[in-house]
N, C-alpha and C. Protein backbone atom coordinates (compact mmCIF):
# COMPACT_ATOMS: atom_id res chain seq x y z
N MET A 1 -2.42 32.72 -18.78
CA MET A 1 -0.87 32.37 -18.45
C MET A 1 -1.18 31.79 -16.95
N LYS A 2 -1.99 32.18 -16.24
CA LYS A 2 -2.51 31.46 -14.84
C LYS A 2 -3.20 29.99 -15.13
N THR A 3 -3.67 30.09 -16.22
CA THR A 3 -4.19 28.61 -16.18
C THR A 3 -3.21 27.45 -16.91
N LEU A 4 -2.18 28.12 -17.28
CA LEU A 4 -0.92 27.02 -17.65
C LEU A 4 0.00 26.56 -16.42
N ILE A 5 -0.29 27.67 -15.43
CA ILE A 5 0.65 27.51 -14.43
C ILE A 5 -0.02 26.38 -13.42
N TYR A 6 -1.39 26.70 -13.60
CA TYR A 6 -2.11 25.74 -12.71
C TYR A 6 -1.82 24.40 -12.98
N ILE A 7 -2.16 24.06 -14.56
CA ILE A 7 -2.27 22.80 -15.33
C ILE A 7 -0.60 22.01 -14.72
N LEU A 8 0.40 22.87 -15.17
CA LEU A 8 2.02 22.46 -15.14
C LEU A 8 1.92 21.92 -13.48
N MET A 9 1.08 22.94 -12.25
CA MET A 9 0.91 22.35 -10.80
C MET A 9 0.43 20.95 -10.66
N VAL A 10 -0.74 20.83 -11.18
CA VAL A 10 -1.58 19.73 -11.26
C VAL A 10 -0.75 18.56 -11.94
N ILE A 11 0.16 18.81 -12.99
CA ILE A 11 0.96 17.74 -13.44
C ILE A 11 2.15 17.36 -12.42
N ALA A 12 2.68 18.16 -11.89
CA ALA A 12 3.93 17.93 -10.84
C ALA A 12 3.23 17.49 -9.77
N VAL A 13 1.84 17.44 -8.89
CA VAL A 13 1.48 16.97 -8.30
C VAL A 13 1.12 15.34 -8.63
N GLY A 14 0.46 15.48 -10.01
CA GLY A 14 0.58 13.87 -10.32
C GLY A 14 2.07 13.13 -10.57
N ILE A 15 3.10 13.89 -10.59
CA ILE A 15 3.91 13.14 -11.04
C ILE A 15 4.43 12.78 -9.45
N ILE A 16 4.92 13.29 -8.65
CA ILE A 16 4.64 13.23 -7.22
C ILE A 16 3.87 12.21 -6.64
N GLY A 17 2.86 11.74 -6.85
CA GLY A 17 2.10 11.07 -6.82
C GLY A 17 2.49 9.86 -7.11
N PHE A 18 2.75 9.41 -8.34
CA PHE A 18 3.18 8.68 -9.13
C PHE A 18 4.27 7.76 -8.57
N ASN A 19 4.87 8.72 -8.34
CA ASN A 19 6.88 8.53 -7.66
C ASN A 19 6.38 8.11 -6.31
N PHE A 20 5.50 8.29 -5.49
CA PHE A 20 5.23 8.13 -4.12
C PHE A 20 4.92 6.61 -3.84
N THR A 21 4.50 5.98 -5.06
CA THR A 21 3.81 4.58 -5.25
C THR A 21 5.42 3.68 -5.88
N LYS A 22 6.18 4.52 -6.22
CA LYS A 22 7.45 3.81 -6.56
C LYS A 22 8.68 3.53 -5.50
N LEU A 23 8.38 4.47 -4.66
CA LEU A 23 9.18 4.24 -3.04
C LEU A 23 9.01 3.00 -2.47
N ASP A 24 10.06 2.87 -2.45
CA ASP A 24 10.65 1.32 -1.49
C ASP A 24 10.87 1.92 0.34
N SER A 25 10.26 1.80 0.91
CA SER A 25 10.21 2.07 2.26
C SER A 25 11.48 1.58 3.16
N ALA A 26 11.67 0.27 2.77
CA ALA A 26 13.13 -0.10 3.32
C ALA A 26 14.37 -0.02 2.78
N ASN A 27 14.18 0.27 1.40
CA ASN A 27 15.79 0.67 0.82
C ASN A 27 15.29 2.08 0.06
N VAL A 28 15.49 2.86 0.35
CA VAL A 28 14.74 4.61 0.04
C VAL A 28 15.90 5.17 -1.05
N LEU A 29 16.94 5.06 -0.64
CA LEU A 29 17.96 5.31 -2.00
C LEU A 29 18.89 4.26 -2.28
N GLN A 30 18.23 3.36 -2.67
CA GLN A 30 18.91 2.42 -3.62
C GLN A 30 17.89 1.87 -4.53
N GLY A 31 18.46 1.65 -5.82
CA GLY A 31 17.26 1.17 -7.22
C GLY A 31 16.55 2.74 -7.55
N ASP A 32 15.23 2.17 -7.62
CA ASP A 32 14.30 2.97 -8.22
C ASP A 32 13.90 4.12 -7.50
N SER A 33 14.12 3.28 -6.09
CA SER A 33 13.81 4.22 -5.00
C SER A 33 14.47 5.60 -4.74
N SER A 34 16.08 5.41 -5.40
CA SER A 34 16.58 6.95 -5.32
C SER A 34 16.27 7.88 -6.50
N ILE A 35 15.49 7.11 -7.55
CA ILE A 35 14.93 7.96 -8.87
C ILE A 35 13.76 8.38 -8.49
N ALA A 36 13.01 7.72 -7.51
CA ALA A 36 12.04 8.36 -6.99
C ALA A 36 11.87 9.62 -6.18
N VAL A 37 12.77 9.46 -5.56
CA VAL A 37 13.12 10.37 -4.48
C VAL A 37 13.65 11.75 -4.98
N ILE A 38 14.15 11.37 -6.35
CA ILE A 38 14.93 12.40 -6.82
C ILE A 38 13.63 13.43 -7.80
N SER A 39 12.71 12.48 -8.10
CA SER A 39 11.67 12.93 -9.11
C SER A 39 10.39 13.74 -8.15
N ILE A 40 10.46 13.42 -6.74
CA ILE A 40 9.62 13.84 -5.86
C ILE A 40 10.32 15.08 -5.34
N LEU A 41 11.53 15.46 -4.92
CA LEU A 41 12.18 16.56 -4.92
C LEU A 41 11.72 17.58 -5.99
N ALA A 42 12.46 17.22 -7.17
CA ALA A 42 11.61 17.86 -8.62
C ALA A 42 10.63 18.54 -8.70
N GLY A 43 9.71 17.60 -8.46
CA GLY A 43 8.41 17.88 -8.53
C GLY A 43 7.92 18.96 -7.50
N LEU A 44 8.20 18.95 -6.25
CA LEU A 44 8.31 19.76 -5.11
C LEU A 44 8.63 21.05 -5.43
N CYS A 45 9.94 20.94 -6.02
CA CYS A 45 10.63 22.31 -6.55
C CYS A 45 9.91 23.02 -7.42
N THR A 46 9.37 22.19 -8.21
CA THR A 46 8.51 22.80 -9.37
C THR A 46 7.32 23.99 -8.82
N ILE A 47 6.63 22.76 -8.12
CA ILE A 47 5.32 23.56 -7.64
C ILE A 47 5.80 25.13 -6.71
N LEU A 48 6.77 24.90 -6.03
CA LEU A 48 7.34 25.95 -5.27
C LEU A 48 7.91 27.01 -6.10
N LEU A 49 8.45 27.01 -7.09
CA LEU A 49 9.03 28.13 -7.94
C LEU A 49 7.70 28.34 -8.68
N LEU A 50 6.70 27.50 -9.25
CA LEU A 50 5.41 27.89 -10.12
C LEU A 50 4.58 28.83 -9.26
N GLY A 51 4.29 28.75 -7.52
CA GLY A 51 3.96 29.23 -6.85
C GLY A 51 4.64 30.84 -6.55
N ILE A 52 5.86 30.67 -6.81
CA ILE A 52 6.45 31.96 -6.58
C ILE A 52 6.34 32.74 -7.97
N LEU A 53 5.98 32.36 -9.00
CA LEU A 53 5.81 32.65 -10.28
C LEU A 53 4.05 33.61 -10.30
N LEU A 54 3.23 32.83 -9.63
CA LEU A 54 1.92 33.44 -9.40
C LEU A 54 1.90 34.48 -8.61
N VAL A 55 2.83 34.28 -7.48
CA VAL A 55 2.96 35.82 -6.74
C VAL A 55 3.67 36.54 -7.32
N SER A 56 4.29 36.77 -7.92
CA SER A 56 5.00 37.53 -8.60
C SER A 56 4.03 38.71 -9.92
N LYS A 57 3.72 37.43 -10.48
CA LYS A 57 2.40 37.57 -11.64
C LYS A 57 1.53 38.76 -10.92
N LYS A 58 0.97 38.56 -9.26
CA LYS A 58 0.05 39.34 -8.64
C LYS A 58 0.47 40.91 -8.46
N ILE A 59 1.66 40.31 -7.83
CA ILE A 59 2.65 41.83 -7.48
C ILE A 59 2.99 42.78 -8.81
N ALA A 60 3.05 42.33 -9.76
CA ALA A 60 3.35 42.90 -11.07
C ALA A 60 1.68 43.77 -11.27
N GLU A 61 0.69 43.01 -11.25
CA GLU A 61 -0.68 43.60 -11.48
C GLU A 61 -0.91 44.76 -10.69
N LYS A 62 -0.31 44.45 -9.60
CA LYS A 62 -1.06 45.73 -8.39
C LYS A 62 -0.50 46.95 -8.44
N VAL A 63 0.98 46.66 -9.13
CA VAL A 63 2.27 47.71 -9.45
C VAL A 63 1.52 48.53 -10.63
N LYS A 64 1.15 47.66 -11.46
CA LYS A 64 0.37 48.73 -12.65
C LYS A 64 -0.72 49.46 -12.46
N LYS A 65 -1.46 48.96 -11.69
CA LYS A 65 -2.67 49.97 -11.20
C LYS A 65 -2.37 50.60 -10.46
């Protein structure tokens, strides 16, 4: 399960990196840049949620012991 979470985190980082290349600094909220901003925020949320899942798994392991 941990390896799947780490793989998903790497994919999310890749998506964030790809969408940074699509950003137009002059028109951030117009055209393809708005989609890129939304995708970057979605990737960041994904990383945050997967991080929370990792921490909760570690807590559950310690509670069982």
